[in-house]
C-alpha cells in the first residue's frame, strides 16, 4: 500500500475469532485443485505452500496464527503510529 505523508490512515479489523472461523469456512470449501493452483502460483513468489486440511481446528489455528492472523497484521501497524497512523 502506498503511504502518503499528507494522509491519515485508520486500521480497522474484525475480531480475530471471527477471522479464524471465516478462514475455517474458506479452507473447508477449497477444492484440492484450487489449493494446487494457489500453491503453484505463490511458491515462485516465496509464499509457503498451503498444506491440506482435514478439519482439525487445532491444526488450523496454529497455521492461521503463524501465517495469516489479522492480529499479526494489525500489530505491524504499531510502529507507524508516530507517523500519522491511527
Protein backbone atom coordinates (compact mmCIF):
# COMPACT_ATOMS: atom_id res chain seq x y z
CA UNK A 1 0.00 0.00 0.00
CA UNK A 2 1.45 3.38 -0.90
CA UNK A 3 1.92 5.69 2.06
CA UNK A 4 1.32 9.42 1.59
CA UNK A 5 2.51 11.87 4.26
CA UNK A 6 -0.47 14.19 3.67
CA UNK A 7 -2.95 11.42 4.50
CA UNK A 8 -4.16 9.87 7.73
CA UNK A 9 -4.66 6.11 7.89
CA UNK A 10 -7.01 4.17 10.13
CA UNK A 11 -6.63 0.43 10.63
CA UNK A 12 -9.96 -1.34 11.15
CA UNK A 13 -10.14 -5.06 11.85
CA UNK A 14 -12.63 -7.80 12.60
CA UNK A 15 -12.43 -9.77 15.82
CA UNK A 16 -9.68 -12.39 15.47
CA UNK A 17 -12.04 -15.20 16.46
CA UNK A 18 -14.34 -14.23 13.62
CA UNK A 19 -11.49 -14.18 11.09
CA UNK A 20 -10.35 -17.63 12.24
CA UNK A 21 -13.83 -19.07 11.72
CA UNK A 22 -14.06 -17.43 8.30
CA UNK A 23 -10.70 -18.99 7.43
CA UNK A 24 -12.03 -22.39 8.57
CA UNK A 25 -15.07 -21.96 6.29
CA UNK A 26 -12.86 -20.98 3.35
CA UNK A 27 -10.45 -23.86 3.93
CA UNK A 28 -13.28 -26.36 4.26
CA UNK A 29 -14.76 -25.24 0.93
CA UNK A 30 -11.49 -25.18 -1.05
CA UNK A 31 -11.25 -27.83 -3.71
CA UNK A 32 -7.89 -29.65 -3.96
CA UNK A 33 -7.27 -28.30 -7.47
CA UNK A 34 -7.70 -24.72 -6.20
CA UNK A 35 -5.14 -25.33 -3.45
CA UNK A 36 -2.76 -26.86 -6.03
CA UNK A 37 -3.19 -23.80 -8.28
CA UNK A 38 -2.62 -21.37 -5.38
CA UNK A 39 0.47 -23.25 -4.25
CA UNK A 40 1.90 -23.35 -7.78
CA UNK A 41 1.22 -19.63 -8.21
CA UNK A 42 2.56 -18.48 -4.84
CA UNK A 43 5.64 -20.65 -4.39
CA UNK A 44 7.73 -18.80 -7.04
CA UNK A 45 7.00 -15.57 -5.13
CA UNK A 46 8.32 -17.06 -1.89
CA UNK A 47 4.99 -17.96 -0.30
CA UNK A 48 4.83 -21.18 1.66
CA UNK A 49 2.52 -23.82 0.20
CA UNK A 50 -0.89 -24.11 1.79
CA UNK A 51 -0.99 -27.57 3.35
CA UNK A 52 -4.01 -29.85 3.04
CA UNK A 53 -6.52 -29.51 5.87
CA UNK A 54 -8.53 -32.37 7.34
CA UNK A 55 -10.84 -30.29 9.55
CA UNK A 56 -8.62 -30.27 12.66
CA UNK A 57 -9.28 -26.84 14.23
CA UNK A 58 -6.18 -27.01 16.46
CA UNK A 59 -4.01 -27.53 13.39
CA UNK A 60 -5.80 -24.75 11.52
CA UNK A 61 -5.40 -22.37 14.47
CA UNK A 62 -1.65 -22.98 14.55
CA UNK A 63 -1.36 -22.38 10.81
CA UNK A 64 -3.59 -19.29 10.97
CA UNK A 65 -1.76 -17.75 13.92
CA UNK A 66 1.65 -18.33 12.30
CA UNK A 67 0.85 -17.39 8.72
CA UNK A 68 -2.26 -15.26 8.27
CA UNK A 69 -3.62 -13.91 11.51
CA UNK A 70 -5.22 -10.49 11.19
CA UNK A 71 -3.89 -9.82 14.68
CA UNK A 72 -0.32 -10.18 13.42
CA UNK A 73 -1.10 -7.87 10.52
CA UNK A 74 -2.69 -5.30 12.83
CA UNK A 75 0.40 -5.35 15.06
CA UNK A 76 2.53 -4.44 12.04
CA UNK A 77 0.86 -1.02 12.00
CA UNK A 78 2.05 -0.26 15.56
CA UNK A 79 5.49 1.06 14.57
CA UNK A 80 3.82 3.51 12.15
CA UNK A 81 1.58 5.13 14.77
CA UNK A 82 4.07 8.01 15.26
CA UNK A 83 3.92 8.80 11.56
CA UNK A 84 0.27 9.86 11.49
CA UNK A 85 -1.33 6.44 11.54
CA UNK A 86 -4.20 5.71 13.87
